[in-house]
Amino acid sequence: MTPIHFSILLFFIGLYGVVNKNNLIKKIIGLTILNGSTVLFFISIGYFENGIAPIFQKDMLKNPVPVMVNPVPQALMLTAIVIGVSVTALALALIVKIYEEYKNLDIQQLSKE
């Protein structure tokens, strides 16, 4: 199974958790899985078989440059990881406040109150 196929599988697992679960914690876990799947997908797109690290050296100017791994998806996904962790932390803090107020984390029961 290639990393792209695995990321698509993870995406659907996370989407299932977000859509079909009623517990807020399980929805946040699904969102975290979705975030991880998109990061894996974009990093695997930028990967090339037998590619080298995108670090230029003096001798590369004289010799033809071999295939290099694309660094742009890696840099963007590093930012996406930081944003995903921040969103997860904020969501968990809100869930703690919801639980303190209502003593419940089920969305269907919370919508009735």
PDB file of N, CA and C in Angstrom:
ATOM      1  N   MET A   1       0.853  -1.175   0.000  1.00  0.00           N
ATOM      2  CA  MET A   1       0.000   0.000   0.000  1.00  0.00           C
ATOM      3  C   MET A   1       0.903   1.243   0.000  1.00  0.00           C
ATOM      4  N   THR A   2       0.687   2.106  -0.949  1.00  0.00           N
ATOM      5  CA  THR A   2       1.504   3.314  -1.045  1.00  0.00           C
ATOM      6  C   THR A   2       1.034   4.352  -0.019  1.00  0.00           C
ATOM      7  N   PRO A   3       1.889   5.322   0.292  1.00  0.00           N
ATOM      8  CA  PRO A   3       1.463   6.360   1.247  1.00  0.00           C
ATOM      9  C   PRO A   3       0.244   7.148   0.779  1.00  0.00           C
ATOM     10  N   ILE A   4       0.095   7.323  -0.529  1.00  0.00           N
ATOM     11  CA  ILE A   4      -1.079   8.054  -1.029  1.00  0.00           C
ATOM     12  C   ILE A   4      -2.354   7.255  -0.757  1.00  0.00           C
ATOM     13  N   HIS A   5      -2.312   5.943  -1.011  1.00  0.00           N
ATOM     14  CA  HIS A   5      -3.488   5.112  -0.734  1.00  0.00           C
ATOM     15  C   HIS A   5      -3.791   5.075   0.761  1.00  0.00           C
ATOM     16  N   PHE A   6      -2.734   5.004   1.565  1.00  0.00           N
ATOM     17  CA  PHE A   6      -2.930   4.978   3.021  1.00  0.00           C
ATOM     18  C   PHE A   6      -3.525   6.290   3.507  1.00  0.00           C
ATOM     19  N   SER A   7      -3.104   7.414   2.933  1.00  0.00           N
ATOM     20  CA  SER A   7      -3.657   8.704   3.353  1.00  0.00           C
ATOM     21  C   SER A   7      -5.124   8.822   2.968  1.00  0.00           C
ATOM     22  N   ILE A   8      -5.497   8.269   1.827  1.00  0.00           N
ATOM     23  CA  ILE A   8      -6.913   8.291   1.433  1.00  0.00           C
ATOM     24  C   ILE A   8      -7.738   7.427   2.374  1.00  0.00           C
ATOM     25  N   LEU A   9      -7.207   6.271   2.757  1.00  0.00           N
ATOM     26  CA  LEU A   9      -7.894   5.420   3.733  1.00  0.00           C
ATOM     27  C   LEU A   9      -8.054   6.138   5.074  1.00  0.00           C
ATOM     28  N   LEU A  10      -6.989   6.799   5.531  1.00  0.00           N
ATOM     29  CA  LEU A  10      -7.070   7.561   6.770  1.00  0.00           C
ATOM     30  C   LEU A  10      -8.082   8.698   6.668  1.00  0.00           C
ATOM     31  N   PHE A  11      -8.148   9.337   5.510  1.00  0.00           N
ATOM     32  CA  PHE A  11      -9.108  10.418   5.312  1.00  0.00           C
ATOM     33  C   PHE A  11     -10.534   9.926   5.530  1.00  0.00           C
ATOM     34  N   PHE A  12     -10.860   8.780   4.938  1.00  0.00           N
ATOM     35  CA  PHE A  12     -12.220   8.267   5.080  1.00  0.00           C
ATOM     36  C   PHE A  12     -12.494   7.764   6.496  1.00  0.00           C
ATOM     37  N   ILE A  13     -11.493   7.250   7.174  1.00  0.00           N
ATOM     38  CA  ILE A  13     -11.679   6.863   8.577  1.00  0.00           C
ATOM     39  C   ILE A  13     -11.967   8.106   9.422  1.00  0.00           C
ATOM     40  N   GLY A  14     -11.214   9.175   9.207  1.00  0.00           N
ATOM     41  CA  GLY A  14     -11.459  10.412   9.940  1.00  0.00           C
ATOM     42  C   GLY A  14     -12.805  11.020   9.598  1.00  0.00           C
ATOM     43  N   LEU A  15     -13.186  10.979   8.326  1.00  0.00           N
ATOM     44  CA  LEU A  15     -14.483  11.505   7.910  1.00  0.00           C
ATOM     45  C   LEU A  15     -15.619  10.713   8.541  1.00  0.00           C
ATOM     46  N   TYR A  16     -15.460   9.403   8.631  1.00  0.00           N
ATOM     47  CA  TYR A  16     -16.458   8.571   9.310  1.00  0.00           C
ATOM     48  C   TYR A  16     -16.601   8.986  10.773  1.00  0.00           C
ATOM     49  N   GLY A  17     -15.486   9.236  11.432  1.00  0.00           N
ATOM     50  CA  GLY A  17     -15.549   9.649  12.835  1.00  0.00           C
ATOM     51  C   GLY A  17     -16.230  10.990  13.022  1.00  0.00           C
ATOM     52  N   VAL A  18     -15.997  11.909  12.106  1.00  0.00           N
ATOM     53  CA  VAL A  18     -16.609  13.233  12.230  1.00  0.00           C
ATOM     54  C   VAL A  18     -18.106  13.165  11.931  1.00  0.00           C
ATOM     55  N   VAL A  19     -18.499  12.402  10.938  1.00  0.00           N
ATOM     56  CA  VAL A  19     -19.899  12.388  10.502  1.00  0.00           C
ATOM     57  C   VAL A  19     -20.767  11.485  11.375  1.00  0.00           C
ATOM     58  N   ASN A  20     -20.292  10.318  11.758  1.00  0.00           N
ATOM     59  CA  ASN A  20     -21.157   9.320  12.383  1.00  0.00           C
ATOM     60  C   ASN A  20     -21.096   9.255  13.900  1.00  0.00           C
ATOM     61  N   LYS A  21     -20.158   9.883  14.537  1.00  0.00           N
ATOM     62  CA  LYS A  21     -20.056   9.804  15.991  1.00  0.00           C
ATOM     63  C   LYS A  21     -20.753  10.991  16.637  1.00  0.00           C
ATOM     64  N   ASN A  22     -21.386  10.762  17.768  1.00  0.00           N
ATOM     65  CA  ASN A  22     -22.095  11.817  18.473  1.00  0.00           C
ATOM     66  C   ASN A  22     -21.283  12.416  19.613  1.00  0.00           C
ATOM     67  N   ASN A  23     -20.282  11.702  20.078  1.00  0.00           N
ATOM     68  CA  ASN A  23     -19.454  12.194  21.169  1.00  0.00           C
ATOM     69  C   ASN A  23     -18.478  13.240  20.636  1.00  0.00           C
ATOM     70  N   LEU A  24     -18.365  14.366  21.324  1.00  0.00           N
ATOM     71  CA  LEU A  24     -17.503  15.449  20.858  1.00  0.00           C
ATOM     72  C   LEU A  24     -16.029  15.052  20.839  1.00  0.00           C
ATOM     73  N   ILE A  25     -15.587  14.263  21.810  1.00  0.00           N
ATOM     74  CA  ILE A  25     -14.189  13.824  21.835  1.00  0.00           C
ATOM     75  C   ILE A  25     -13.885  12.961  20.607  1.00  0.00           C
ATOM     76  N   LYS A  26     -14.804  12.080  20.254  1.00  0.00           N
ATOM     77  CA  LYS A  26     -14.605  11.218  19.080  1.00  0.00           C
ATOM     78  C   LYS A  26     -14.593  12.039  17.794  1.00  0.00           C
ATOM     79  N   LYS A  27     -15.368  13.111  17.748  1.00  0.00           N
ATOM     80  CA  LYS A  27     -15.338  13.993  16.582  1.00  0.00           C
ATOM     81  C   LYS A  27     -13.987  14.701  16.467  1.00  0.00           C
ATOM     82  N   ILE A  28     -13.428  15.115  17.594  1.00  0.00           N
ATOM     83  CA  ILE A  28     -12.114  15.759  17.572  1.00  0.00           C
ATOM     84  C   ILE A  28     -11.041  14.760  17.142  1.00  0.00           C
ATOM     85  N   ILE A  29     -11.150  13.513  17.589  1.00  0.00           N
ATOM     86  CA  ILE A  29     -10.206  12.483  17.149  1.00  0.00           C
ATOM     87  C   ILE A  29     -10.324  12.290  15.640  1.00  0.00           C
ATOM     88  N   GLY A  30     -11.552  12.296  15.117  1.00  0.00           N
ATOM     89  CA  GLY A  30     -11.752  12.194  13.672  1.00  0.00           C
ATOM     90  C   GLY A  30     -11.130  13.360  12.919  1.00  0.00           C
ATOM     91  N   LEU A  31     -11.277  14.573  13.464  1.00  0.00           N
ATOM     92  CA  LEU A  31     -10.660  15.741  12.836  1.00  0.00           C
ATOM     93  C   LEU A  31      -9.135  15.639  12.844  1.00  0.00           C
ATOM     94  N   THR A  32      -8.582  15.114  13.917  1.00  0.00           N
ATOM     95  CA  THR A  32      -7.134  14.944  13.999  1.00  0.00           C
ATOM     96  C   THR A  32      -6.646  13.917  12.979  1.00  0.00           C
ATOM     97  N   ILE A  33      -7.410  12.856  12.798  1.00  0.00           N
ATOM     98  CA  ILE A  33      -7.062  11.859  11.781  1.00  0.00           C
ATOM     99  C   ILE A  33      -7.160  12.466  10.380  1.00  0.00           C
ATOM    100  N   LEU A  34      -8.193  13.293  10.153  1.00  0.00           N
ATOM    101  CA  LEU A  34      -8.315  13.987   8.869  1.00  0.00           C
ATOM    102  C   LEU A  34      -7.106  14.876   8.608  1.00  0.00           C
ATOM    103  N   ASN A  35      -6.678  15.610   9.622  1.00  0.00           N
ATOM    104  CA  ASN A  35      -5.517  16.480   9.481  1.00  0.00           C
ATOM    105  C   ASN A  35      -4.259  15.664   9.160  1.00  0.00           C
ATOM    106  N   GLY A  36      -4.068  14.579   9.865  1.00  0.00           N
ATOM    107  CA  GLY A  36      -2.911  13.723   9.612  1.00  0.00           C
ATOM    108  C   GLY A  36      -2.931  13.124   8.214  1.00  0.00           C
ATOM    109  N   SER A  37      -4.118  12.779   7.749  1.00  0.00           N
ATOM    110  CA  SER A  37      -4.209  12.198   6.398  1.00  0.00           C
ATOM    111  C   SER A  37      -3.872  13.221   5.326  1.00  0.00           C
ATOM    112  N   THR A  38      -4.301  14.459   5.478  1.00  0.00           N
ATOM    113  CA  THR A  38      -3.966  15.471   4.474  1.00  0.00           C
ATOM    114  C   THR A  38      -2.472  15.796   4.497  1.00  0.00           C
ATOM    115  N   VAL A  39      -1.882  15.821   5.674  1.00  0.00           N
ATOM    116  CA  VAL A  39      -0.443  16.066   5.773  1.00  0.00           C
ATOM    117  C   VAL A  39       0.321  14.938   5.083  1.00  0.00           C
ATOM    118  N   LEU A  40      -0.058  13.697   5.356  1.00  0.00           N
ATOM    119  CA  LEU A  40       0.602  12.557   4.713  1.00  0.00           C
ATOM    120  C   LEU A  40       0.415  12.589   3.204  1.00  0.00           C
ATOM    121  N   PHE A  41      -0.770  12.972   2.755  1.00  0.00           N
ATOM    122  CA  PHE A  41      -1.040  13.024   1.320  1.00  0.00           C
ATOM    123  C   PHE A  41      -0.142  14.042   0.620  1.00  0.00           C
ATOM    124  N   PHE A  42      -0.065  15.250   1.159  1.00  0.00           N
ATOM    125  CA  PHE A  42       0.726  16.278   0.498  1.00  0.00           C
ATOM    126  C   PHE A  42       2.229  15.998   0.574  1.00  0.00           C
ATOM    127  N   ILE A  43       2.675  15.431   1.669  1.00  0.00           N
ATOM    128  CA  ILE A  43       4.096  15.086   1.748  1.00  0.00           C
ATOM    129  C   ILE A  43       4.426  13.959   0.778  1.00  0.00           C
ATOM    130  N   SER A  44       3.530  13.001   0.617  1.00  0.00           N
ATOM    131  CA  SER A  44       3.798  11.908  -0.316  1.00  0.00           C
ATOM    132  C   SER A  44       3.738  12.380  -1.769  1.00  0.00           C
ATOM    133  N   ILE A  45       2.991  13.442  -2.045  1.00  0.00           N
ATOM    134  CA  ILE A  45       2.988  13.998  -3.402  1.00  0.00           C
ATOM    135  C   ILE A  45       4.354  14.605  -3.723  1.00  0.00           C
ATOM    136  N   GLY A  46       4.980  15.257  -2.751  1.00  0.00           N
ATOM    137  CA  GLY A  46       6.265  15.896  -2.983  1.00  0.00           C
ATOM    138  C   GLY A  46       7.448  14.955  -2.982  1.00  0.00           C
ATOM    139  N   TYR A  47       7.222  13.676  -2.693  1.00  0.00           N
ATOM    140  CA  TYR A  47       8.318  12.710  -2.620  1.00  0.00           C
ATOM    141  C   TYR A  47       8.598  12.127  -4.002  1.00  0.00           C
ATOM    142  N   PHE A  48       9.880  11.961  -4.321  1.00  0.00           N
ATOM    143  CA  PHE A  48      10.296  11.297  -5.547  1.00  0.00           C
ATOM    144  C   PHE A  48      11.178  10.114  -5.181  1.00  0.00           C
ATOM    145  N   GLU A  49      10.975   9.009  -5.882  1.00  0.00           N
ATOM    146  CA  GLU A  49      11.774   7.803  -5.647  1.00  0.00           C
ATOM    147  C   GLU A  49      13.242   8.109  -5.930  1.00  0.00           C
ATOM    148  N   ASN A  50      14.111   7.737  -5.011  1.00  0.00           N
ATOM    149  CA  ASN A  50      15.560   7.982  -5.091  1.00  0.00           C
ATOM    150  C   ASN A  50      15.918   9.466  -5.160  1.00  0.00           C
ATOM    151  N   GLY A  51      15.016  10.319  -4.679  1.00  0.00           N
ATOM    152  CA  GLY A  51      15.306  11.744  -4.647  1.00  0.00           C
ATOM    153  C   GLY A  51      16.222  12.075  -3.479  1.00  0.00           C
ATOM    154  N   ILE A  52      16.995  13.127  -3.642  1.00  0.00           N
ATOM    155  CA  ILE A  52      17.896  13.543  -2.571  1.00  0.00           C
ATOM    156  C   ILE A  52      17.317  14.758  -1.869  1.00  0.00           C
ATOM    157  N   ALA A  53      17.885  15.090  -0.733  1.00  0.00           N
ATOM    158  CA  ALA A  53      17.435  16.259   0.020  1.00  0.00           C
ATOM    159  C   ALA A  53      17.703  17.519  -0.794  1.00  0.00           C
ATOM    160  N   PRO A  54      16.788  18.489  -0.736  1.00  0.00           N
ATOM    161  CA  PRO A  54      16.944  19.694  -1.567  1.00  0.00           C
ATOM    162  C   PRO A  54      17.941  20.688  -0.977  1.00  0.00           C
ATOM    163  N   ILE A  55      19.181  20.249  -0.849  1.00  0.00           N
ATOM    164  CA  ILE A  55      20.250  21.096  -0.332  1.00  0.00           C
ATOM    165  C   ILE A  55      21.299  21.217  -1.434  1.00  0.00           C
ATOM    166  N   PHE A  56      21.489  22.426  -1.917  1.00  0.00           N
ATOM    167  CA  PHE A  56      22.463  22.641  -2.986  1.00  0.00           C
ATOM    168  C   PHE A  56      23.868  22.717  -2.404  1.00  0.00           C
ATOM    169  N   GLN A  57      24.814  22.133  -3.136  1.00  0.00           N
ATOM    170  CA  GLN A  57      26.223  22.160  -2.753  1.00  0.00           C
ATOM    171  C   GLN A  57      27.039  22.679  -3.935  1.00  0.00           C
ATOM    172  N   LYS A  58      28.276  23.038  -3.681  1.00  0.00           N
ATOM    173  CA  LYS A  58      29.119  23.631  -4.724  1.00  0.00           C
ATOM    174  C   LYS A  58      29.335  22.699  -5.906  1.00  0.00           C
ATOM    175  N   ASP A  59      29.519  21.419  -5.641  1.00  0.00           N
ATOM    176  CA  ASP A  59      29.794  20.494  -6.743  1.00  0.00           C
ATOM    177  C   ASP A  59      28.565  20.235  -7.617  1.00  0.00           C
ATOM    178  N   MET A  60      27.391  20.589  -7.172  1.00  0.00           N
ATOM    179  CA  MET A  60      26.195  20.400  -7.984  1.00  0.00           C
ATOM    180  C   MET A  60      26.139  21.384  -9.150  1.00  0.00           C
ATOM    181  N   LEU A  61      26.851  22.489  -9.054  1.00  0.00           N
ATOM    182  CA  LEU A  61      26.860  23.451 -10.148  1.00  0.00           C
ATOM    183  C   LEU A  61      27.634  22.912 -11.352  1.00  0.00           C
ATOM    184  N   LYS A  62      28.621  22.070 -11.110  1.00  0.00           N
ATOM    185  CA  LYS A  62      29.431  21.500 -12.191  1.00  0.00           C
ATOM    186  C   LYS A  62      28.782  20.259 -12.787  1.00  0.00           C
ATOM    187  N   ASN A  63      28.165  19.469 -11.942  1.00  0.00           N
ATOM    188  CA  ASN A  63      27.545  18.216 -12.371  1.00  0.00           C
ATOM    189  C   ASN A  63      26.038  18.421 -12.528  1.00  0.00           C
ATOM    190  N   PRO A  64      25.411  17.598 -13.356  1.00  0.00           N
ATOM    191  CA  PRO A  64      23.951  17.710 -13.470  1.00  0.00           C
ATOM    192  C   PRO A  64      23.281  17.411 -12.124  1.00  0.00           C
ATOM    193  N   VAL A  65      22.248  18.157 -11.846  1.00  0.00           N
ATOM    194  CA  VAL A  65      21.532  18.008 -10.577  1.00  0.00           C
ATOM    195  C   VAL A  65      20.627  16.785 -10.649  1.00  0.00           C
ATOM    196  N   PRO A  66      20.749  15.862  -9.698  1.00  0.00           N
ATOM    197  CA  PRO A  66      19.849  14.704  -9.692  1.00  0.00           C
ATOM    198  C   PRO A  66      18.442  15.110  -9.236  1.00  0.00           C
ATOM    199  N   VAL A  67      17.560  14.169  -9.231  1.00  0.00           N
ATOM    200  CA  VAL A  67      16.183  14.430  -8.813  1.00  0.00           C
ATOM    201  C   VAL A  67      16.172  14.764  -7.327  1.00  0.00           C
ATOM    202  N   MET A  68      15.524  15.870  -7.012  1.00  0.00           N
ATOM    203  CA  MET A  68      15.424  16.290  -5.612  1.00  0.00           C
ATOM    204  C   MET A  68      13.975  16.206  -5.144  1.00  0.00           C
ATOM    205  N   VAL A  69      13.816  15.968  -3.876  1.00  0.00           N
ATOM    206  CA  VAL A  69      12.499  15.959  -3.269  1.00  0.00           C
ATOM    207  C   VAL A  69      11.994  17.399  -3.222  1.00  0.00           C
ATOM    208  N   ASN A  70      10.711  17.586  -3.481  1.00  0.00           N
ATOM    209  CA  ASN A  70      10.128  18.922  -3.482  1.00  0.00           C
ATOM    210  C   ASN A  70       9.983  19.425  -2.041  1.00  0.00           C
ATOM    211  N   PRO A  71      10.619  20.540  -1.659  1.00  0.00           N
ATOM    212  CA  PRO A  71      10.551  21.004  -0.268  1.00  0.00           C
ATOM    213  C   PRO A  71       9.311  21.834   0.050  1.00  0.00           C
ATOM    214  N   VAL A  72       8.582  22.291  -0.964  1.00  0.00           N
ATOM    215  CA  VAL A  72       7.436  23.174  -0.704  1.00  0.00           C
ATOM    216  C   VAL A  72       6.321  22.461   0.069  1.00  0.00           C
ATOM    217  N   PRO A  73       5.893  21.255  -0.322  1.00  0.00           N
ATOM    218  CA  PRO A  73       4.858  20.592   0.482  1.00  0.00           C
ATOM    219  C   PRO A  73       5.296  20.326   1.926  1.00  0.00           C
ATOM    220  N   GLN A  74       6.590  20.042   2.110  1.00  0.00           N
ATOM    221  CA  GLN A  74       7.074  19.802   3.469  1.00  0.00           C
ATOM    222  C   GLN A  74       6.954  21.061   4.313  1.00  0.00           C
ATOM    223  N   ALA A  75       7.316  22.203   3.750  1.00  0.00           N
ATOM    224  CA  ALA A  75       7.230  23.456   4.499  1.00  0.00           C
ATOM    225  C   ALA A  75       5.776  23.821   4.786  1.00  0.00           C
ATOM    226  N   LEU A  76       4.898  23.632   3.807  1.00  0.00           N
ATOM    227  CA  LEU A  76       3.487  23.950   4.024  1.00  0.00           C
ATOM    228  C   LEU A  76       2.850  23.014   5.049  1.00  0.00           C
ATOM    229  N   MET A  77       3.229  21.757   5.017  1.00  0.00           N
ATOM    230  CA  MET A  77       2.625  20.810   5.944  1.00  0.00           C
ATOM    231  C   MET A  77       3.147  20.992   7.361  1.00  0.00           C
ATOM    232  N   LEU A  78       4.345  21.515   7.507  1.00  0.00           N
ATOM    233  CA  LEU A  78       4.824  21.858   8.840  1.00  0.00           C
ATOM    234  C   LEU A  78       3.922  22.924   9.455  1.00  0.00           C
ATOM    235  N   THR A  79       3.533  23.903   8.654  1.00  0.00           N
ATOM    236  CA  THR A  79       2.588  24.922   9.121  1.00  0.00           C
ATOM    237  C   THR A  79       1.226  24.308   9.402  1.00  0.00           C
ATOM    238  N   ALA A  80       0.786  23.400   8.557  1.00  0.00           N
ATOM    239  CA  ALA A  80      -0.513  22.750   8.759  1.00  0.00           C
ATOM    240  C   ALA A  80      -0.532  21.921  10.040  1.00  0.00           C
ATOM    241  N   ILE A  81       0.587  21.285  10.374  1.00  0.00           N
ATOM    242  CA  ILE A  81       0.656  20.512  11.621  1.00  0.00           C
ATOM    243  C   ILE A  81       0.503  21.435  12.823  1.00  0.00           C
ATOM    244  N   VAL A  82       1.176  22.578  12.802  1.00  0.00           N
ATOM    245  CA  VAL A  82       1.083  23.520  13.914  1.00  0.00           C
ATOM    246  C   VAL A  82      -0.337  24.055  14.044  1.00  0.00           C
ATOM    247  N   ILE A  83      -0.971  24.386  12.929  1.00  0.00           N
ATOM    248  CA  ILE A  83      -2.349  24.878  12.966  1.00  0.00           C
ATOM    249  C   ILE A  83      -3.292  23.784  13.453  1.00  0.00           C
ATOM    250  N   GLY A  84      -3.079  22.548  13.009  1.00  0.00           N
ATOM    251  CA  GLY A  84      -3.931  21.440  13.450  1.00  0.00           C
ATOM    252  C   GLY A  84      -3.835  21.184  14.942  1.00  0.00           C
ATOM    253  N   VAL A  85      -2.627  21.251  15.487  1.00  0.00           N
ATOM    254  CA  VAL A  85      -2.461  21.063  16.933  1.00  0.00           C
ATOM    255  C   VAL A  85      -3.136  22.198  17.693  1.00  0.00           C
ATOM    256  N   SER A  86      -3.039  23.410  17.177  1.00  0.00           N
ATOM    257  CA  SER A  86      -3.675  24.554  17.837  1.00  0.00           C
ATOM    258  C   SER A  86      -5.203  24.426  17.820  1.00  0.00           C
ATOM    259  N   VAL A  87      -5.746  24.028  16.687  1.00  0.00           N
ATOM    260  CA  VAL A  87      -7.198  23.851  16.589  1.00  0.00           C
ATOM    261  C   VAL A  87      -7.662  22.731  17.511  1.00  0.00           C
ATOM    262  N   THR A  88      -6.912  21.646  17.577  1.00  0.00           N
ATOM    263  CA  THR A  88      -7.265  20.537  18.466  1.00  0.00           C
ATOM    264  C   THR A  88      -7.233  20.972  19.921  1.00  0.00           C
ATOM    265  N   ALA A  89      -6.229  21.727  20.312  1.00  0.00           N
ATOM    266  CA  ALA A  89      -6.140  22.207  21.694  1.00  0.00           C
ATOM    267  C   ALA A  89      -7.301  23.130  22.022  1.00  0.00           C
ATOM    268  N   LEU A  90      -7.649  24.029  21.115  1.00  0.00           N
ATOM    269  CA  LEU A  90      -8.779  24.927  21.343  1.00  0.00           C
ATOM    270  C   LEU A  90     -10.084  24.155  21.438  1.00  0.00           C
ATOM    271  N   ALA A  91     -10.270  23.181  20.553  1.00  0.00           N
ATOM    272  CA  ALA A  91     -11.497  22.377  20.579  1.00  0.00           C
ATOM    273  C   ALA A  91     -11.603  21.578  21.874  1.00  0.00           C
ATOM    274  N   LEU A  92     -10.501  21.021  22.337  1.00  0.00           N
ATOM    275  CA  LEU A  92     -10.546  20.267  23.597  1.00  0.00           C
ATOM    276  C   LEU A  92     -10.821  21.179  24.783  1.00  0.00           C
ATOM    277  N   ALA A  93     -10.293  22.400  24.757  1.00  0.00           N
ATOM    278  CA  ALA A  93     -10.596  23.357  25.825  1.00  0.00           C
ATOM    279  C   ALA A  93     -12.080  23.718  25.827  1.00  0.00           C
ATOM    280  N   LEU A  94     -12.653  23.892  24.651  1.00  0.00           N
ATOM    281  CA  LEU A  94     -14.088  24.169  24.569  1.00  0.00           C
ATOM    282  C   LEU A  94     -14.913  22.978  25.040  1.00  0.00           C
ATOM    283  N   ILE A  95     -14.463  21.779  24.729  1.00  0.00           N
ATOM    284  CA  ILE A  95     -15.183  20.579  25.179  1.00  0.00           C
ATOM    285  C   ILE A  95     -15.152  20.478  26.695  1.00  0.00           C
ATOM    286  N   VAL A  96     -14.040  20.829  27.312  1.00  0.00           N
ATOM    287  CA  VAL A  96     -13.969  20.818  28.778  1.00  0.00           C
ATOM    288  C   VAL A  96     -14.997  21.789  29.361  1.00  0.00           C
ATOM    289  N   LYS A  97     -15.102  22.982  28.777  1.00  0.00           N
ATOM    290  CA  LYS A  97     -16.077  23.967  29.258  1.00  0.00           C
ATOM    291  C   LYS A  97     -17.509  23.488  29.032  1.00  0.00           C
ATOM    292  N   ILE A  98     -17.766  22.843  27.907  1.00  0.00           N
ATOM    293  CA  ILE A  98     -19.100  22.298  27.645  1.00  0.00           C
ATOM    294  C   ILE A  98     -19.439  21.227  28.661  1.00  0.00           C
ATOM    295  N   TYR A  99     -18.477  20.369  28.976  1.00  0.00           N
ATOM    296  CA  TYR A  99     -18.731  19.311  29.944  1.00  0.00           C
ATOM    297  C   TYR A  99     -18.969  19.888  31.342  1.00  0.00           C
ATOM    298  N   GLU A 100     -18.217  20.927  31.704  1.00  0.00           N
ATOM    299  CA  GLU A 100     -18.440  21.557  33.017  1.00  0.00           C
ATOM    300  C   GLU A 100     -19.840  22.154  33.118  1.00  0.00           C
ATOM    301  N   GLU A 101     -20.325  22.693  32.019  1.00  0.00           N
ATOM    302  CA  GLU A 101     -21.639  23.345  32.033  1.00  0.00           C
ATOM    303  C   GLU A 101     -22.788  22.345  31.961  1.00  0.00           C
ATOM    304  N   TYR A 102     -22.703  21.359  31.073  1.00  0.00           N
ATOM    305  CA  TYR A 102     -23.827  20.469  30.797  1.00  0.00           C
ATOM    306  C   TYR A 102     -23.645  19.044  31.308  1.00  0.00           C
ATOM    307  N   LYS A 103     -22.441  18.654  31.746  1.00  0.00           N
ATOM    308  CA  LYS A 103     -22.140  17.291  32.221  1.00  0.00           C
ATOM    309  C   LYS A 103     -22.483  16.231  31.179  1.00  0.00           C
ATOM    310  N   ASN A 104     -22.282  16.592  29.914  1.00  0.00           N
ATOM    311  CA  ASN A 104     -22.616  15.685  28.833  1.00  0.00           C
ATOM    312  C   ASN A 104     -21.794  16.068  27.600  1.00  0.00           C
ATOM    313  N   LEU A 105     -21.431  15.095  26.785  1.00  0.00           N
ATOM    314  CA  LEU A 105     -20.683  15.371  25.556  1.00  0.00           C
ATOM    315  C   LEU A 105     -21.379  14.834  24.313  1.00  0.00           C
ATOM    316  N   ASP A 106     -22.598  14.346  24.466  1.00  0.00           N
ATOM    317  CA  ASP A 106     -23.355  13.822  23.335  1.00  0.00           C
ATOM    318  C   ASP A 106     -24.045  14.977  22.606  1.00  0.00           C
ATOM    319  N   ILE A 107     -23.817  15.093  21.306  1.00  0.00           N
ATOM    320  CA  ILE A 107     -24.349  16.227  20.544  1.00  0.00           C
ATOM    321  C   ILE A 107     -25.865  16.206  20.493  1.00  0.00           C
ATOM    322  N   GLN A 108     -26.466  15.039  20.347  1.00  0.00           N
ATOM    323  CA  GLN A 108     -27.931  14.972  20.262  1.00  0.00           C
ATOM    324  C   GLN A 108     -28.577  15.408  21.570  1.00  0.00           C
ATOM    325  N   GLN A 109     -27.996  15.035  22.693  1.00  0.00           N
ATOM    326  CA  GLN A 109     -28.554  15.456  23.975  1.00  0.00           C
ATOM    327  C   GLN A 109     -28.265  16.925  24.250  1.00  0.00           C
ATOM    328  N   LEU A 110     -27.136  17.426  23.795  1.00  0.00           N
ATOM    329  CA  LEU A 110     -26.823  18.839  23.986  1.00  0.00           C
ATOM    330  C   LEU A 110     -27.740  19.727  23.152  1.00  0.00           C
ATOM    331  N   SER A 111     -28.144  19.270  21.974  1.00  0.00           N
ATOM    332  CA  SER A 111     -29.027  20.080  21.131  1.00  0.00           C
ATOM    333  C   SER A 111     -30.439  20.167  21.711  1.00  0.00           C
ATOM    334  N   LYS A 112     -30.818  19.205  22.554  1.00  0.00           N
ATOM    335  CA  LYS A 112     -32.136  19.236  23.194  1.00  0.00           C
ATOM    336  C   LYS A 112     -32.178  20.196  24.357  1.00  0.00           C
ATOM    337  N   GLU A 113     -31.006  20.446  24.975  1.00  0.00           N
ATOM    338  CA  GLU A 113     -30.972  21.298  26.170  1.00  0.00           C
ATOM    339  C   GLU A 113     -30.941  22.762  25.836  1.00  0.00           C
TER     340      GLU A 113
END
